[in-house]
């Protein structure tokens, strides 16, 4: 799976769970084990790793590349 699509999917799931927490808590008792902070950190790490890789490949500034990846 494309890393950009994977990151986007993770962000969408985090936002969906946060905005519809009551529905998840009622339908899925195991959702109480869900840790949005852990998922957010994982998503951020993947974003930074992708930006670092792209910055190296294109010989561009990391911060600029990170912003580009976040806006993608």
N, C-alpha and C. Protein backbone atom coordinates (compact mmCIF):
# COMPACT_ATOMS: atom_id res chain seq x y z
N UNK A 1 0.85 -1.18 0.00
CA UNK A 1 0.00 0.00 0.00
C UNK A 1 0.89 1.24 0.00
N UNK A 2 0.48 2.23 -0.73
CA UNK A 2 1.21 3.47 -0.79
C UNK A 2 1.24 4.12 0.59
N UNK A 3 2.40 4.57 1.00
CA UNK A 3 2.58 5.12 2.35
C UNK A 3 1.70 6.35 2.58
N UNK A 4 1.52 7.17 1.55
CA UNK A 4 0.68 8.37 1.69
C UNK A 4 -0.76 7.97 1.95
N UNK A 5 -1.24 6.95 1.25
CA UNK A 5 -2.61 6.47 1.46
C UNK A 5 -2.75 5.85 2.85
N UNK A 6 -1.71 5.15 3.29
CA UNK A 6 -1.75 4.55 4.62
C UNK A 6 -1.83 5.62 5.70
N UNK A 7 -1.04 6.67 5.57
CA UNK A 7 -1.06 7.77 6.54
C UNK A 7 -2.43 8.45 6.53
N UNK A 8 -2.96 8.70 5.33
CA UNK A 8 -4.28 9.34 5.22
C UNK A 8 -5.36 8.48 5.85
N UNK A 9 -5.29 7.17 5.64
CA UNK A 9 -6.26 6.26 6.24
C UNK A 9 -6.19 6.26 7.75
N UNK A 10 -4.96 6.29 8.28
CA UNK A 10 -4.79 6.33 9.73
C UNK A 10 -5.37 7.61 10.32
N UNK A 11 -5.09 8.74 9.66
CA UNK A 11 -5.62 10.02 10.14
C UNK A 11 -7.14 10.03 10.10
N UNK A 12 -7.70 9.49 9.03
CA UNK A 12 -9.16 9.44 8.90
C UNK A 12 -9.77 8.58 10.00
N UNK A 13 -9.14 7.45 10.31
CA UNK A 13 -9.66 6.58 11.37
C UNK A 13 -9.58 7.26 12.73
N UNK A 14 -8.47 7.94 12.99
CA UNK A 14 -8.32 8.65 14.27
C UNK A 14 -9.42 9.71 14.41
N UNK A 15 -9.61 10.51 13.37
CA UNK A 15 -10.64 11.56 13.42
C UNK A 15 -12.03 10.97 13.56
N UNK A 16 -12.30 9.88 12.86
CA UNK A 16 -13.62 9.24 12.96
C UNK A 16 -13.87 8.72 14.36
N UNK A 17 -12.87 8.08 14.94
CA UNK A 17 -13.04 7.55 16.30
C UNK A 17 -13.23 8.66 17.32
N UNK A 18 -12.49 9.74 17.15
CA UNK A 18 -12.61 10.85 18.11
C UNK A 18 -13.95 11.56 17.98
N UNK A 19 -14.44 11.72 16.76
CA UNK A 19 -15.70 12.44 16.58
C UNK A 19 -16.93 11.56 16.81
N UNK A 20 -16.76 10.25 16.80
CA UNK A 20 -17.88 9.32 16.99
C UNK A 20 -17.59 8.33 18.12
N UNK A 21 -16.95 8.80 19.16
CA UNK A 21 -16.49 7.90 20.22
C UNK A 21 -17.63 7.10 20.85
N UNK A 22 -18.76 7.73 21.06
CA UNK A 22 -19.89 7.05 21.68
C UNK A 22 -20.33 5.84 20.88
N UNK A 23 -20.37 5.97 19.58
CA UNK A 23 -20.78 4.86 18.72
C UNK A 23 -19.79 3.70 18.83
N UNK A 24 -18.50 4.00 18.82
CA UNK A 24 -17.50 2.95 18.93
C UNK A 24 -17.55 2.27 20.29
N UNK A 25 -17.73 3.04 21.34
CA UNK A 25 -17.76 2.49 22.69
C UNK A 25 -18.94 1.54 22.87
N UNK A 26 -20.08 1.85 22.25
CA UNK A 26 -21.27 1.00 22.37
C UNK A 26 -21.15 -0.26 21.53
N UNK A 27 -20.63 -0.14 20.32
CA UNK A 27 -20.61 -1.26 19.38
C UNK A 27 -19.42 -2.19 19.57
N UNK A 28 -18.32 -1.66 20.06
CA UNK A 28 -17.10 -2.45 20.16
C UNK A 28 -16.48 -2.28 21.54
N UNK A 29 -16.75 -3.20 22.45
CA UNK A 29 -16.20 -3.07 23.81
C UNK A 29 -14.67 -3.01 23.83
N UNK A 30 -14.01 -3.60 22.84
CA UNK A 30 -12.55 -3.57 22.82
C UNK A 30 -12.02 -2.19 22.45
N UNK A 31 -12.91 -1.29 22.01
CA UNK A 31 -12.46 0.06 21.64
C UNK A 31 -11.95 0.83 22.85
N UNK A 32 -12.28 0.38 24.03
CA UNK A 32 -11.75 1.05 25.22
C UNK A 32 -10.24 0.88 25.32
N UNK A 33 -9.70 -0.11 24.60
CA UNK A 33 -8.26 -0.33 24.57
C UNK A 33 -7.58 0.54 23.52
N UNK A 34 -8.36 1.22 22.69
CA UNK A 34 -7.82 2.05 21.62
C UNK A 34 -7.12 3.26 22.22
N UNK A 35 -5.92 3.52 21.76
CA UNK A 35 -5.13 4.63 22.28
C UNK A 35 -4.86 5.61 21.14
N UNK A 36 -5.65 6.68 21.06
CA UNK A 36 -5.49 7.62 19.95
C UNK A 36 -4.15 8.33 19.98
N UNK A 37 -3.60 8.52 21.17
CA UNK A 37 -2.29 9.17 21.26
C UNK A 37 -1.21 8.29 20.62
N UNK A 38 -1.28 7.00 20.88
CA UNK A 38 -0.32 6.06 20.28
C UNK A 38 -0.47 6.04 18.76
N UNK A 39 -1.70 6.01 18.27
CA UNK A 39 -1.95 6.01 16.83
C UNK A 39 -1.49 7.32 16.19
N UNK A 40 -1.72 8.43 16.87
CA UNK A 40 -1.29 9.73 16.36
C UNK A 40 0.23 9.79 16.28
N UNK A 41 0.91 9.29 17.31
CA UNK A 41 2.37 9.27 17.31
C UNK A 41 2.91 8.40 16.18
N UNK A 42 2.28 7.26 15.95
CA UNK A 42 2.70 6.37 14.87
C UNK A 42 2.53 7.05 13.52
N UNK A 43 1.42 7.74 13.35
CA UNK A 43 1.13 8.46 12.11
C UNK A 43 2.16 9.58 11.89
N UNK A 44 2.47 10.31 12.93
CA UNK A 44 3.46 11.39 12.85
C UNK A 44 4.84 10.84 12.51
N UNK A 45 5.20 9.71 13.11
CA UNK A 45 6.50 9.09 12.83
C UNK A 45 6.59 8.67 11.36
N UNK A 46 5.52 8.10 10.84
CA UNK A 46 5.50 7.70 9.44
C UNK A 46 5.61 8.92 8.52
N UNK A 47 4.94 10.00 8.89
CA UNK A 47 4.99 11.24 8.11
C UNK A 47 6.41 11.80 8.09
N UNK A 48 7.05 11.83 9.25
CA UNK A 48 8.42 12.35 9.34
C UNK A 48 9.41 11.47 8.58
N UNK A 49 9.22 10.16 8.66
CA UNK A 49 10.09 9.23 7.94
C UNK A 49 9.97 9.44 6.43
N UNK A 50 8.74 9.59 5.96
CA UNK A 50 8.52 9.84 4.53
C UNK A 50 9.14 11.16 4.10
N UNK A 51 8.97 12.20 4.90
CA UNK A 51 9.54 13.50 4.57
C UNK A 51 11.06 13.44 4.54
N UNK A 52 11.65 12.74 5.50
CA UNK A 52 13.10 12.61 5.55
C UNK A 52 13.62 11.90 4.30
N UNK A 53 12.93 10.85 3.92
CA UNK A 53 13.31 10.09 2.73
C UNK A 53 13.22 10.95 1.47
N UNK A 54 12.13 11.67 1.34
CA UNK A 54 11.95 12.53 0.16
C UNK A 54 12.96 13.68 0.15
N UNK A 55 13.26 14.24 1.31
CA UNK A 55 14.23 15.34 1.37
C UNK A 55 15.61 14.86 0.94
N UNK A 56 15.99 13.66 1.37
CA UNK A 56 17.28 13.09 0.96
C UNK A 56 17.31 12.84 -0.55
N UNK A 57 16.24 12.24 -1.07
CA UNK A 57 16.19 11.91 -2.50
C UNK A 57 16.25 13.15 -3.39
N UNK A 58 15.57 14.20 -2.98
CA UNK A 58 15.47 15.40 -3.81
C UNK A 58 16.46 16.49 -3.40
N UNK A 59 17.23 16.23 -2.34
CA UNK A 59 18.21 17.19 -1.84
C UNK A 59 17.55 18.52 -1.47
N UNK A 60 16.39 18.43 -0.81
CA UNK A 60 15.66 19.61 -0.37
C UNK A 60 15.70 19.72 1.15
N UNK A 61 15.30 20.87 1.64
CA UNK A 61 15.22 21.14 3.07
C UNK A 61 14.18 20.22 3.72
N UNK A 62 14.52 19.64 4.87
CA UNK A 62 13.62 18.71 5.55
C UNK A 62 12.32 19.38 5.98
N UNK A 63 12.40 20.55 6.58
CA UNK A 63 11.19 21.23 7.09
C UNK A 63 10.21 21.53 5.97
N UNK A 64 10.72 21.98 4.84
CA UNK A 64 9.86 22.27 3.69
C UNK A 64 9.21 20.99 3.18
N UNK A 65 10.01 19.95 3.09
CA UNK A 65 9.49 18.67 2.62
C UNK A 65 8.46 18.11 3.60
N UNK A 66 8.68 18.29 4.88
CA UNK A 66 7.73 17.83 5.89
C UNK A 66 6.38 18.54 5.71
N UNK A 67 6.41 19.82 5.49
CA UNK A 67 5.17 20.56 5.26
C UNK A 67 4.46 20.07 3.99
N UNK A 68 5.23 19.79 2.96
CA UNK A 68 4.64 19.28 1.72
C UNK A 68 3.96 17.94 1.96
N UNK A 69 4.61 17.07 2.70
CA UNK A 69 4.04 15.75 2.99
C UNK A 69 2.78 15.90 3.83
N UNK A 70 2.79 16.78 4.81
CA UNK A 70 1.61 16.98 5.66
C UNK A 70 0.43 17.53 4.87
N UNK A 71 0.70 18.32 3.85
CA UNK A 71 -0.37 18.91 3.05
C UNK A 71 -0.84 17.99 1.93
N UNK A 72 -0.12 16.93 1.71
CA UNK A 72 -0.45 16.00 0.63
C UNK A 72 -1.71 15.23 0.91
